[in-house]
Amino acid sequence: MSGRVALEGLEFHAYHGLYPHERESGNWFEVDIAVDTDFTEAAEHDDLMGTINYETLFRIVKEEMAKPSKLLETVAGKIADDVLKALPAAKVVELKISKLNPPIGGKCRRATVSLIRKR
């Protein structure tokens, strides 16, 4: 049984950005992540071992968000790579990272980078 485990609306204060003031004062970011997997065993046996543990998924995102990067593309790629390395049952990782109120010289609610990475 194919399925998806997702965490939506994760919020982090982090230090990603091209400009020095972004890496000094930080900004708020929102992350949505979904992982496609086969959770037949988990569903049949009511056992976490047969699916994606969303606590582990959160830890992976949190650890990478804590490492300052210039580009959200870099952060997204590292998170996707880490998920595929740490969670062998993960078949596809879909990820969206948004920087809230980005410094672009005008009003903007969020700047978003998204990716889909397959095993």
PDB file of N, CA and C in Angstrom:
ATOM      1  N   MET A   1       0.848  -1.163   0.000  1.00  0.00           N
ATOM      2  CA  MET A   1       0.000   0.000   0.000  1.00  0.00           C
ATOM      3  C   MET A   1       0.899   1.234   0.000  1.00  0.00           C
ATOM      4  N   SER A   2       0.860   1.962  -1.086  1.00  0.00           N
ATOM      5  CA  SER A   2       1.659   3.183  -1.163  1.00  0.00           C
ATOM      6  C   SER A   2       0.972   4.289  -0.382  1.00  0.00           C
ATOM      7  N   GLY A   3       1.773   5.112   0.248  1.00  0.00           N
ATOM      8  CA  GLY A   3       1.213   6.203   1.028  1.00  0.00           C
ATOM      9  C   GLY A   3       2.206   7.335   1.184  1.00  0.00           C
ATOM     10  N   ARG A   4       1.792   8.313   1.949  1.00  0.00           N
ATOM     11  CA  ARG A   4       2.595   9.510   2.144  1.00  0.00           C
ATOM     12  C   ARG A   4       2.513   9.916   3.605  1.00  0.00           C
ATOM     13  N   VAL A   5       3.675  10.240   4.168  1.00  0.00           N
ATOM     14  CA  VAL A   5       3.766  10.801   5.516  1.00  0.00           C
ATOM     15  C   VAL A   5       4.227  12.240   5.341  1.00  0.00           C
ATOM     16  N   ALA A   6       3.501  13.188   5.948  1.00  0.00           N
ATOM     17  CA  ALA A   6       3.820  14.595   5.732  1.00  0.00           C
ATOM     18  C   ALA A   6       3.798  15.383   7.038  1.00  0.00           C
ATOM     19  N   LEU A   7       4.651  16.386   7.094  1.00  0.00           N
ATOM     20  CA  LEU A   7       4.632  17.391   8.157  1.00  0.00           C
ATOM     21  C   LEU A   7       4.423  18.729   7.464  1.00  0.00           C
ATOM     22  N   GLU A   8       3.426  19.472   7.902  1.00  0.00           N
ATOM     23  CA  GLU A   8       3.084  20.721   7.240  1.00  0.00           C
ATOM     24  C   GLU A   8       3.136  21.877   8.229  1.00  0.00           C
ATOM     25  N   GLY A   9       3.631  23.007   7.750  1.00  0.00           N
ATOM     26  CA  GLY A   9       3.636  24.211   8.570  1.00  0.00           C
ATOM     27  C   GLY A   9       4.669  24.224   9.679  1.00  0.00           C
ATOM     28  N   LEU A  10       5.795  23.534   9.473  1.00  0.00           N
ATOM     29  CA  LEU A  10       6.872  23.596  10.463  1.00  0.00           C
ATOM     30  C   LEU A  10       7.457  25.002  10.440  1.00  0.00           C
ATOM     31  N   GLU A  11       7.681  25.591  11.586  1.00  0.00           N
ATOM     32  CA  GLU A  11       8.214  26.949  11.654  1.00  0.00           C
ATOM     33  C   GLU A  11       9.558  26.970  12.372  1.00  0.00           C
ATOM     34  N   PHE A  12      10.490  27.713  11.791  1.00  0.00           N
ATOM     35  CA  PHE A  12      11.827  27.831  12.349  1.00  0.00           C
ATOM     36  C   PHE A  12      12.317  29.265  12.227  1.00  0.00           C
ATOM     37  N   HIS A  13      13.016  29.733  13.246  1.00  0.00           N
ATOM     38  CA  HIS A  13      13.774  30.976  13.112  1.00  0.00           C
ATOM     39  C   HIS A  13      15.177  30.521  12.755  1.00  0.00           C
ATOM     40  N   ALA A  14      15.647  30.940  11.579  1.00  0.00           N
ATOM     41  CA  ALA A  14      16.932  30.442  11.080  1.00  0.00           C
ATOM     42  C   ALA A  14      17.697  31.579  10.413  1.00  0.00           C
ATOM     43  N   TYR A  15      18.916  31.272  10.002  1.00  0.00           N
ATOM     44  CA  TYR A  15      19.857  32.291   9.523  1.00  0.00           C
ATOM     45  C   TYR A  15      20.294  32.038   8.089  1.00  0.00           C
ATOM     46  N   HIS A  16      19.323  31.807   7.214  1.00  0.00           N
ATOM     47  CA  HIS A  16      19.601  31.591   5.799  1.00  0.00           C
ATOM     48  C   HIS A  16      19.400  32.891   5.048  1.00  0.00           C
ATOM     49  N   GLY A  17      20.293  33.179   4.122  1.00  0.00           N
ATOM     50  CA  GLY A  17      20.125  34.363   3.297  1.00  0.00           C
ATOM     51  C   GLY A  17      21.427  34.770   2.648  1.00  0.00           C
ATOM     52  N   LEU A  18      21.296  35.452   1.560  1.00  0.00           N
ATOM     53  CA  LEU A  18      22.449  35.911   0.795  1.00  0.00           C
ATOM     54  C   LEU A  18      23.159  37.070   1.489  1.00  0.00           C
ATOM     55  N   TYR A  19      22.392  37.930   2.152  1.00  0.00           N
ATOM     56  CA  TYR A  19      22.953  39.136   2.736  1.00  0.00           C
ATOM     57  C   TYR A  19      23.418  38.906   4.174  1.00  0.00           C
ATOM     58  N   PRO A  20      24.518  39.552   4.559  1.00  0.00           N
ATOM     59  CA  PRO A  20      25.048  39.371   5.920  1.00  0.00           C
ATOM     60  C   PRO A  20      24.028  39.652   7.013  1.00  0.00           C
ATOM     61  N   HIS A  21      23.195  40.685   6.839  1.00  0.00           N
ATOM     62  CA  HIS A  21      22.221  40.988   7.892  1.00  0.00           C
ATOM     63  C   HIS A  21      21.197  39.860   8.066  1.00  0.00           C
ATOM     64  N   GLU A  22      20.936  39.083   7.013  1.00  0.00           N
ATOM     65  CA  GLU A  22      20.017  37.943   7.126  1.00  0.00           C
ATOM     66  C   GLU A  22      20.641  36.832   7.964  1.00  0.00           C
ATOM     67  N   ARG A  23      21.953  36.659   7.813  1.00  0.00           N
ATOM     68  CA  ARG A  23      22.635  35.599   8.558  1.00  0.00           C
ATOM     69  C   ARG A  23      22.959  36.043   9.982  1.00  0.00           C
ATOM     70  N   GLU A  24      22.863  37.351  10.255  1.00  0.00           N
ATOM     71  CA  GLU A  24      23.096  37.857  11.611  1.00  0.00           C
ATOM     72  C   GLU A  24      21.812  37.881  12.432  1.00  0.00           C
ATOM     73  N   SER A  25      20.751  38.458  11.867  1.00  0.00           N
ATOM     74  CA  SER A  25      19.507  38.600  12.636  1.00  0.00           C
ATOM     75  C   SER A  25      18.523  37.461  12.392  1.00  0.00           C
ATOM     76  N   GLY A  26      18.664  36.752  11.287  1.00  0.00           N
ATOM     77  CA  GLY A  26      17.784  35.630  11.002  1.00  0.00           C
ATOM     78  C   GLY A  26      16.425  36.068  10.494  1.00  0.00           C
ATOM     79  N   ASN A  27      15.588  35.085  10.248  1.00  0.00           N
ATOM     80  CA  ASN A  27      14.252  35.309   9.727  1.00  0.00           C
ATOM     81  C   ASN A  27      13.416  34.082  10.053  1.00  0.00           C
ATOM     82  N   TRP A  28      12.116  34.189   9.832  1.00  0.00           N
ATOM     83  CA  TRP A  28      11.217  33.056  10.037  1.00  0.00           C
ATOM     84  C   TRP A  28      11.025  32.317   8.727  1.00  0.00           C
ATOM     85  N   PHE A  29      10.999  30.990   8.839  1.00  0.00           N
ATOM     86  CA  PHE A  29      10.844  30.107   7.695  1.00  0.00           C
ATOM     87  C   PHE A  29       9.743  29.102   7.989  1.00  0.00           C
ATOM     88  N   GLU A  30       9.089  28.670   6.930  1.00  0.00           N
ATOM     89  CA  GLU A  30       8.080  27.621   7.050  1.00  0.00           C
ATOM     90  C   GLU A  30       8.481  26.480   6.131  1.00  0.00           C
ATOM     91  N   VAL A  31       8.355  25.258   6.632  1.00  0.00           N
ATOM     92  CA  VAL A  31       8.746  24.076   5.865  1.00  0.00           C
ATOM     93  C   VAL A  31       7.573  23.098   5.824  1.00  0.00           C
ATOM     94  N   ASP A  32       7.300  22.597   4.624  1.00  0.00           N
ATOM     95  CA  ASP A  32       6.373  21.487   4.422  1.00  0.00           C
ATOM     96  C   ASP A  32       7.180  20.361   3.799  1.00  0.00           C
ATOM     97  N   ILE A  33       7.038  19.163   4.346  1.00  0.00           N
ATOM     98  CA  ILE A  33       7.767  18.023   3.793  1.00  0.00           C
ATOM     99  C   ILE A  33       6.844  16.814   3.745  1.00  0.00           C
ATOM    100  N   ALA A  34       6.942  16.061   2.644  1.00  0.00           N
ATOM    101  CA  ALA A  34       6.163  14.844   2.477  1.00  0.00           C
ATOM    102  C   ALA A  34       7.081  13.753   1.937  1.00  0.00           C
ATOM    103  N   VAL A  35       6.879  12.550   2.435  1.00  0.00           N
ATOM    104  CA  VAL A  35       7.699  11.417   2.021  1.00  0.00           C
ATOM    105  C   VAL A  35       6.774  10.290   1.570  1.00  0.00           C
ATOM    106  N   ASP A  36       6.982   9.834   0.339  1.00  0.00           N
ATOM    107  CA  ASP A  36       6.219   8.702  -0.176  1.00  0.00           C
ATOM    108  C   ASP A  36       6.917   7.414   0.227  1.00  0.00           C
ATOM    109  N   THR A  37       6.117   6.441   0.623  1.00  0.00           N
ATOM    110  CA  THR A  37       6.652   5.171   1.094  1.00  0.00           C
ATOM    111  C   THR A  37       5.602   4.086   0.912  1.00  0.00           C
ATOM    112  N   ASP A  38       5.964   2.858   1.199  1.00  0.00           N
ATOM    113  CA  ASP A  38       5.011   1.752   1.236  1.00  0.00           C
ATOM    114  C   ASP A  38       4.797   1.427   2.704  1.00  0.00           C
ATOM    115  N   PHE A  39       3.584   1.691   3.194  1.00  0.00           N
ATOM    116  CA  PHE A  39       3.359   1.384   4.609  1.00  0.00           C
ATOM    117  C   PHE A  39       2.365   0.243   4.808  1.00  0.00           C
ATOM    118  N   THR A  40       2.434  -0.746   3.907  1.00  0.00           N
ATOM    119  CA  THR A  40       1.595  -1.932   4.035  1.00  0.00           C
ATOM    120  C   THR A  40       1.832  -2.631   5.371  1.00  0.00           C
ATOM    121  N   GLU A  41       3.104  -2.875   5.695  1.00  0.00           N
ATOM    122  CA  GLU A  41       3.435  -3.575   6.944  1.00  0.00           C
ATOM    123  C   GLU A  41       2.973  -2.793   8.170  1.00  0.00           C
ATOM    124  N   ALA A  42       3.167  -1.495   8.161  1.00  0.00           N
ATOM    125  CA  ALA A  42       2.744  -0.663   9.291  1.00  0.00           C
ATOM    126  C   ALA A  42       1.238  -0.726   9.474  1.00  0.00           C
ATOM    127  N   ALA A  43       0.500  -0.636   8.373  1.00  0.00           N
ATOM    128  CA  ALA A  43      -0.954  -0.657   8.450  1.00  0.00           C
ATOM    129  C   ALA A  43      -1.479  -2.017   8.914  1.00  0.00           C
ATOM    130  N   GLU A  44      -0.873  -3.084   8.425  1.00  0.00           N
ATOM    131  CA  GLU A  44      -1.339  -4.431   8.780  1.00  0.00           C
ATOM    132  C   GLU A  44      -0.972  -4.833  10.200  1.00  0.00           C
ATOM    133  N   HIS A  45       0.194  -4.372  10.671  1.00  0.00           N
ATOM    134  CA  HIS A  45       0.696  -4.828  11.974  1.00  0.00           C
ATOM    135  C   HIS A  45       0.709  -3.743  13.045  1.00  0.00           C
ATOM    136  N   ASP A  46       0.219  -2.554  12.697  1.00  0.00           N
ATOM    137  CA  ASP A  46       0.188  -1.444  13.647  1.00  0.00           C
ATOM    138  C   ASP A  46       1.561  -1.244  14.280  1.00  0.00           C
ATOM    139  N   ASP A  47       2.592  -1.185  13.392  1.00  0.00           N
ATOM    140  CA  ASP A  47       3.976  -1.132  13.849  1.00  0.00           C
ATOM    141  C   ASP A  47       4.707   0.006  13.140  1.00  0.00           C
ATOM    142  N   LEU A  48       5.326   0.864  13.908  1.00  0.00           N
ATOM    143  CA  LEU A  48       6.052   2.013  13.378  1.00  0.00           C
ATOM    144  C   LEU A  48       7.193   1.599  12.456  1.00  0.00           C
ATOM    145  N   MET A  49       7.743   0.422  12.647  1.00  0.00           N
ATOM    146  CA  MET A  49       8.883  -0.022  11.840  1.00  0.00           C
ATOM    147  C   MET A  49       8.554  -0.116  10.350  1.00  0.00           C
ATOM    148  N   GLY A  50       7.290  -0.188  10.001  1.00  0.00           N
ATOM    149  CA  GLY A  50       6.932  -0.337   8.601  1.00  0.00           C
ATOM    150  C   GLY A  50       6.554   0.958   7.910  1.00  0.00           C
ATOM    151  N   THR A  51       6.955   2.097   8.481  1.00  0.00           N
ATOM    152  CA  THR A  51       6.578   3.375   7.883  1.00  0.00           C
ATOM    153  C   THR A  51       7.654   4.423   8.165  1.00  0.00           C
ATOM    154  N   ILE A  52       7.357   5.664   7.879  1.00  0.00           N
ATOM    155  CA  ILE A  52       8.269   6.769   8.139  1.00  0.00           C
ATOM    156  C   ILE A  52       7.919   7.379   9.492  1.00  0.00           C
ATOM    157  N   ASN A  53       8.879   7.428  10.376  1.00  0.00           N
ATOM    158  CA  ASN A  53       8.677   8.026  11.695  1.00  0.00           C
ATOM    159  C   ASN A  53       8.743   9.550  11.545  1.00  0.00           C
ATOM    160  N   TYR A  54       7.624  10.223  11.798  1.00  0.00           N
ATOM    161  CA  TYR A  54       7.625  11.674  11.560  1.00  0.00           C
ATOM    162  C   TYR A  54       8.419  12.445  12.596  1.00  0.00           C
ATOM    163  N   GLU A  55       8.736  11.833  13.745  1.00  0.00           N
ATOM    164  CA  GLU A  55       9.657  12.483  14.685  1.00  0.00           C
ATOM    165  C   GLU A  55      11.069  12.525  14.097  1.00  0.00           C
ATOM    166  N   THR A  56      11.468  11.450  13.449  1.00  0.00           N
ATOM    167  CA  THR A  56      12.772  11.406  12.781  1.00  0.00           C
ATOM    168  C   THR A  56      12.803  12.411  11.638  1.00  0.00           C
ATOM    169  N   LEU A  57      11.724  12.482  10.898  1.00  0.00           N
ATOM    170  CA  LEU A  57      11.622  13.438   9.802  1.00  0.00           C
ATOM    171  C   LEU A  57      11.772  14.871  10.318  1.00  0.00           C
ATOM    172  N   PHE A  58      11.106  15.192  11.410  1.00  0.00           N
ATOM    173  CA  PHE A  58      11.208  16.527  12.003  1.00  0.00           C
ATOM    174  C   PHE A  58      12.639  16.819  12.448  1.00  0.00           C
ATOM    175  N   ARG A  59      13.286  15.855  13.081  1.00  0.00           N
ATOM    176  CA  ARG A  59      14.658  16.048  13.556  1.00  0.00           C
ATOM    177  C   ARG A  59      15.600  16.367  12.399  1.00  0.00           C
ATOM    178  N   ILE A  60      15.440  15.674  11.287  1.00  0.00           N
ATOM    179  CA  ILE A  60      16.284  15.913  10.114  1.00  0.00           C
ATOM    180  C   ILE A  60      16.095  17.344   9.610  1.00  0.00           C
ATOM    181  N   VAL A  61      14.850  17.785   9.502  1.00  0.00           N
ATOM    182  CA  VAL A  61      14.572  19.148   9.034  1.00  0.00           C
ATOM    183  C   VAL A  61      15.137  20.162  10.018  1.00  0.00           C
ATOM    184  N   LYS A  62      14.891  19.961  11.299  1.00  0.00           N
ATOM    185  CA  LYS A  62      15.345  20.891  12.336  1.00  0.00           C
ATOM    186  C   LYS A  62      16.868  21.033  12.330  1.00  0.00           C
ATOM    187  N   GLU A  63      17.574  19.917  12.215  1.00  0.00           N
ATOM    188  CA  GLU A  63      19.038  19.959  12.219  1.00  0.00           C
ATOM    189  C   GLU A  63      19.581  20.741  11.028  1.00  0.00           C
ATOM    190  N   GLU A  64      18.994  20.567   9.862  1.00  0.00           N
ATOM    191  CA  GLU A  64      19.494  21.284   8.689  1.00  0.00           C
ATOM    192  C   GLU A  64      19.096  22.754   8.727  1.00  0.00           C
ATOM    193  N   MET A  65      17.922  23.056   9.241  1.00  0.00           N
ATOM    194  CA  MET A  65      17.501  24.462   9.345  1.00  0.00           C
ATOM    195  C   MET A  65      18.405  25.227  10.308  1.00  0.00           C
ATOM    196  N   ALA A  66      19.060  24.548  11.227  1.00  0.00           N
ATOM    197  CA  ALA A  66      19.949  25.195  12.200  1.00  0.00           C
ATOM    198  C   ALA A  66      21.313  25.558  11.607  1.00  0.00           C
ATOM    199  N   LYS A  67      21.614  25.076  10.398  1.00  0.00           N
ATOM    200  CA  LYS A  67      22.894  25.356   9.746  1.00  0.00           C
ATOM    201  C   LYS A  67      22.707  26.487   8.732  1.00  0.00           C
ATOM    202  N   PRO A  68      23.304  27.657   8.977  1.00  0.00           N
ATOM    203  CA  PRO A  68      23.122  28.776   8.052  1.00  0.00           C
ATOM    204  C   PRO A  68      23.617  28.465   6.638  1.00  0.00           C
ATOM    205  N   SER A  69      22.815  28.867   5.667  1.00  0.00           N
ATOM    206  CA  SER A  69      23.172  28.738   4.251  1.00  0.00           C
ATOM    207  C   SER A  69      22.757  30.011   3.529  1.00  0.00           C
ATOM    208  N   LYS A  70      23.423  30.290   2.437  1.00  0.00           N
ATOM    209  CA  LYS A  70      23.054  31.458   1.648  1.00  0.00           C
ATOM    210  C   LYS A  70      21.754  31.228   0.883  1.00  0.00           C
ATOM    211  N   LEU A  71      21.568  30.023   0.367  1.00  0.00           N
ATOM    212  CA  LEU A  71      20.437  29.749  -0.514  1.00  0.00           C
ATOM    213  C   LEU A  71      19.485  28.706   0.055  1.00  0.00           C
ATOM    214  N   LEU A  72      18.194  28.947  -0.127  1.00  0.00           N
ATOM    215  CA  LEU A  72      17.191  27.960   0.277  1.00  0.00           C
ATOM    216  C   LEU A  72      17.308  26.690  -0.565  1.00  0.00           C
ATOM    217  N   GLU A  73      17.774  26.833  -1.799  1.00  0.00           N
ATOM    218  CA  GLU A  73      17.978  25.665  -2.651  1.00  0.00           C
ATOM    219  C   GLU A  73      18.981  24.701  -2.015  1.00  0.00           C
ATOM    220  N   THR A  74      20.014  25.262  -1.392  1.00  0.00           N
ATOM    221  CA  THR A  74      21.018  24.439  -0.707  1.00  0.00           C
ATOM    222  C   THR A  74      20.397  23.712   0.469  1.00  0.00           C
ATOM    223  N   VAL A  75      19.618  24.430   1.262  1.00  0.00           N
ATOM    224  CA  VAL A  75      18.965  23.835   2.434  1.00  0.00           C
ATOM    225  C   VAL A  75      18.019  22.720   2.000  1.00  0.00           C
ATOM    226  N   ALA A  76      17.213  22.976   0.989  1.00  0.00           N
ATOM    227  CA  ALA A  76      16.254  21.977   0.507  1.00  0.00           C
ATOM    228  C   ALA A  76      16.966  20.717   0.012  1.00  0.00           C
ATOM    229  N   GLY A  77      18.026  20.900  -0.756  1.00  0.00           N
ATOM    230  CA  GLY A  77      18.771  19.752  -1.263  1.00  0.00           C
ATOM    231  C   GLY A  77      19.379  18.918  -0.157  1.00  0.00           C
ATOM    232  N   LYS A  78      19.925  19.571   0.852  1.00  0.00           N
ATOM    233  CA  LYS A  78      20.531  18.847   1.970  1.00  0.00           C
ATOM    234  C   LYS A  78      19.484  18.087   2.778  1.00  0.00           C
ATOM    235  N   ILE A  79      18.334  18.706   3.008  1.00  0.00           N
ATOM    236  CA  ILE A  79      17.269  18.018   3.744  1.00  0.00           C
ATOM    237  C   ILE A  79      16.831  16.774   2.976  1.00  0.00           C
ATOM    238  N   ALA A  80      16.583  16.918   1.681  1.00  0.00           N
ATOM    239  CA  ALA A  80      16.146  15.778   0.875  1.00  0.00           C
ATOM    240  C   ALA A  80      17.194  14.662   0.886  1.00  0.00           C
ATOM    241  N   ASP A  81      18.462  15.021   0.728  1.00  0.00           N
ATOM    242  CA  ASP A  81      19.534  14.019   0.774  1.00  0.00           C
ATOM    243  C   ASP A  81      19.572  13.308   2.125  1.00  0.00           C
ATOM    244  N   ASP A  82      19.449  14.084   3.207  1.00  0.00           N
ATOM    245  CA  ASP A  82      19.496  13.500   4.554  1.00  0.00           C
ATOM    246  C   ASP A  82      18.330  12.549   4.793  1.00  0.00           C
ATOM    247  N   VAL A  83      17.151  12.909   4.306  1.00  0.00           N
ATOM    248  CA  VAL A  83      15.981  12.036   4.469  1.00  0.00           C
ATOM    249  C   VAL A  83      16.204  10.721   3.732  1.00  0.00           C
ATOM    250  N   LEU A  84      16.675  10.793   2.498  1.00  0.00           N
ATOM    251  CA  LEU A  84      16.894   9.569   1.726  1.00  0.00           C
ATOM    252  C   LEU A  84      17.992   8.697   2.328  1.00  0.00           C
ATOM    253  N   LYS A  85      18.998   9.308   2.948  1.00  0.00           N
ATOM    254  CA  LYS A  85      20.059   8.536   3.602  1.00  0.00           C
ATOM    255  C   LYS A  85      19.567   7.890   4.892  1.00  0.00           C
ATOM    256  N   ALA A  86      18.830   8.652   5.700  1.00  0.00           N
ATOM    257  CA  ALA A  86      18.436   8.188   7.035  1.00  0.00           C
ATOM    258  C   ALA A  86      17.221   7.260   7.025  1.00  0.00           C
ATOM    259  N   LEU A  87      16.385   7.375   6.010  1.00  0.00           N
ATOM    260  CA  LEU A  87      15.131   6.625   5.989  1.00  0.00           C
ATOM    261  C   LEU A  87      15.055   5.766   4.723  1.00  0.00           C
ATOM    262  N   PRO A  88      15.554   4.531   4.788  1.00  0.00           N
ATOM    263  CA  PRO A  88      15.582   3.667   3.606  1.00  0.00           C
ATOM    264  C   PRO A  88      14.203   3.407   2.994  1.00  0.00           C
ATOM    265  N   ALA A  89      13.150   3.507   3.785  1.00  0.00           N
ATOM    266  CA  ALA A  89      11.798   3.273   3.263  1.00  0.00           C
ATOM    267  C   ALA A  89      11.286   4.457   2.434  1.00  0.00           C
ATOM    268  N   ALA A  90      11.977   5.596   2.489  1.00  0.00           N
ATOM    269  CA  ALA A  90      11.554   6.780   1.734  1.00  0.00           C
ATOM    270  C   ALA A  90      11.819   6.566   0.247  1.00  0.00           C
ATOM    271  N   LYS A  91      10.779   6.717  -0.560  1.00  0.00           N
ATOM    272  CA  LYS A  91      10.921   6.575  -2.004  1.00  0.00           C
ATOM    273  C   LYS A  91      11.020   7.926  -2.706  1.00  0.00           C
ATOM    274  N   VAL A  92      10.234   8.881  -2.227  1.00  0.00           N
ATOM    275  CA  VAL A  92      10.200  10.219  -2.809  1.00  0.00           C
ATOM    276  C   VAL A  92      10.102  11.222  -1.672  1.00  0.00           C
ATOM    277  N   VAL A  93      10.872  12.303  -1.783  1.00  0.00           N
ATOM    278  CA  VAL A  93      10.784  13.401  -0.822  1.00  0.00           C
ATOM    279  C   VAL A  93      10.300  14.627  -1.574  1.00  0.00           C
ATOM    280  N   GLU A  94       9.234  15.224  -1.074  1.00  0.00           N
ATOM    281  CA  GLU A  94       8.723  16.473  -1.628  1.00  0.00           C
ATOM    282  C   GLU A  94       8.835  17.519  -0.538  1.00  0.00           C
ATOM    283  N   LEU A  95       9.444  18.656  -0.859  1.00  0.00           N
ATOM    284  CA  LEU A  95       9.806  19.632   0.161  1.00  0.00           C
ATOM    285  C   LEU A  95       9.542  21.046  -0.332  1.00  0.00           C
ATOM    286  N   LYS A  96       9.048  21.881   0.571  1.00  0.00           N
ATOM    287  CA  LYS A  96       8.844  23.298   0.267  1.00  0.00           C
ATOM    288  C   LYS A  96       9.358  24.095   1.452  1.00  0.00           C
ATOM    289  N   ILE A  97      10.236  25.074   1.179  1.00  0.00           N
ATOM    290  CA  ILE A  97      10.752  25.968   2.214  1.00  0.00           C
ATOM    291  C   ILE A  97      10.391  27.389   1.817  1.00  0.00           C
ATOM    292  N   SER A  98       9.784  28.111   2.744  1.00  0.00           N
ATOM    293  CA  SER A  98       9.404  29.500   2.496  1.00  0.00           C
ATOM    294  C   SER A  98      10.071  30.422   3.497  1.00  0.00           C
ATOM    295  N   LYS A  99      10.652  31.501   2.995  1.00  0.00           N
ATOM    296  CA  LYS A  99      11.181  32.569   3.841  1.00  0.00           C
ATOM    297  C   LYS A  99      10.072  33.605   3.956  1.00  0.00           C
ATOM    298  N   LEU A 100       9.649  33.887   5.185  1.00  0.00           N
ATOM    299  CA  LEU A 100       8.575  34.838   5.406  1.00  0.00           C
ATOM    300  C   LEU A 100       9.108  36.262   5.354  1.00  0.00           C
ATOM    301  N   ASN A 101       8.378  37.138   4.711  1.00  0.00           N
ATOM    302  CA  ASN A 101       8.760  38.543   4.568  1.00  0.00           C
ATOM    303  C   ASN A 101      10.203  38.712   4.082  1.00  0.00           C
ATOM    304  N   PRO A 102      10.534  38.185   2.920  1.00  0.00           N
ATOM    305  CA  PRO A 102      11.913  38.272   2.428  1.00  0.00           C
ATOM    306  C   PRO A 102      12.310  39.716   2.108  1.00  0.00           C
ATOM    307  N   PRO A 103      13.593  40.035   2.271  1.00  0.00           N
ATOM    308  CA  PRO A 103      14.058  41.402   2.016  1.00  0.00           C
ATOM    309  C   PRO A 103      14.277  41.657   0.522  1.00  0.00           C
ATOM    310  N   ILE A 104      13.193  41.959  -0.194  1.00  0.00           N
ATOM    311  CA  ILE A 104      13.313  42.158  -1.640  1.00  0.00           C
ATOM    312  C   ILE A 104      13.040  43.595  -2.057  1.00  0.00           C
ATOM    313  N   GLY A 105      12.871  44.486  -1.090  1.00  0.00           N
ATOM    314  CA  GLY A 105      12.630  45.884  -1.418  1.00  0.00           C
ATOM    315  C   GLY A 105      11.176  46.213  -1.682  1.00  0.00           C
ATOM    316  N   GLY A 106      10.296  45.297  -1.336  1.00  0.00           N
ATOM    317  CA  GLY A 106       8.861  45.501  -1.516  1.00  0.00           C
ATOM    318  C   GLY A 106       8.101  44.509  -0.665  1.00  0.00           C
ATOM    319  N   LYS A 107       6.793  44.622  -0.696  1.00  0.00           N
ATOM    320  CA  LYS A 107       5.958  43.747   0.123  1.00  0.00           C
ATOM    321  C   LYS A 107       5.843  42.368  -0.527  1.00  0.00           C
ATOM    322  N   CYS A 108       6.160  41.355   0.268  1.00  0.00           N
ATOM    323  CA  CYS A 108       6.077  39.964  -0.195  1.00  0.00           C
ATOM    324  C   CYS A 108       5.852  39.083   1.028  1.00  0.00           C
ATOM    325  N   ARG A 109       4.811  38.295   1.009  1.00  0.00           N
ATOM    326  CA  ARG A 109       4.486  37.441   2.156  1.00  0.00           C
ATOM    327  C   ARG A 109       5.533  36.343   2.350  1.00  0.00           C
ATOM    328  N   ARG A 110       5.976  35.744   1.255  1.00  0.00           N
ATOM    329  CA  ARG A 110       6.944  34.652   1.358  1.00  0.00           C
ATOM    330  C   ARG A 110       7.650  34.412   0.029  1.00  0.00           C
ATOM    331  N   ALA A 111       8.881  33.960   0.109  1.00  0.00           N
ATOM    332  CA  ALA A 111       9.628  33.480  -1.057  1.00  0.00           C
ATOM    333  C   ALA A 111       9.801  31.979  -0.845  1.00  0.00           C
ATOM    334  N   THR A 112       9.494  31.194  -1.859  1.00  0.00           N
ATOM    335  CA  THR A 112       9.435  29.745  -1.687  1.00  0.00           C
ATOM    336  C   THR A 112      10.310  29.016  -2.681  1.00  0.00           C
ATOM    337  N   VAL A 113      10.962  27.970  -2.195  1.00  0.00           N
ATOM    338  CA  VAL A 113      11.713  27.027  -3.013  1.00  0.00           C
ATOM    339  C   VAL A 113      11.100  25.650  -2.760  1.00  0.00           C
ATOM    340  N   SER A 114      10.885  24.901  -3.816  1.00  0.00           N
ATOM    341  CA  SER A 114      10.350  23.552  -3.628  1.00  0.00           C
ATOM    342  C   SER A 114      11.119  22.571  -4.512  1.00  0.00           C
ATOM    343  N   LEU A 115      11.108  21.318  -4.065  1.00  0.00           N
ATOM    344  CA  LEU A 115      11.786  20.283  -4.844  1.00  0.00           C
ATOM    345  C   LEU A 115      11.098  18.942  -4.635  1.00  0.00           C
ATOM    346  N   ILE A 116      11.346  18.064  -5.584  1.00  0.00           N
ATOM    347  CA  ILE A 116      10.945  16.673  -5.465  1.00  0.00           C
ATOM    348  C   ILE A 116      12.187  15.856  -5.792  1.00  0.00           C
ATOM    349  N   ARG A 117      12.566  14.982  -4.877  1.00  0.00           N
ATOM    350  CA  ARG A 117      13.746  14.142  -5.084  1.00  0.00           C
ATOM    351  C   ARG A 117      13.319  12.682  -4.926  1.00  0.00           C
ATOM    352  N   LYS A 118      13.674  11.864  -5.922  1.00  0.00           N
ATOM    353  CA  LYS A 118      13.335  10.432  -5.893  1.00  0.00           C
ATOM    354  C   LYS A 118      14.571   9.604  -5.620  1.00  0.00           C
ATOM    355  N   ARG A 119      14.358   8.482  -4.996  1.00  0.00           N
ATOM    356  CA  ARG A 119      15.467   7.560  -4.719  1.00  0.00           C
ATOM    357  C   ARG A 119      15.946   6.979  -6.017  1.00  0.00           C
TER     358      ARG A 119
END
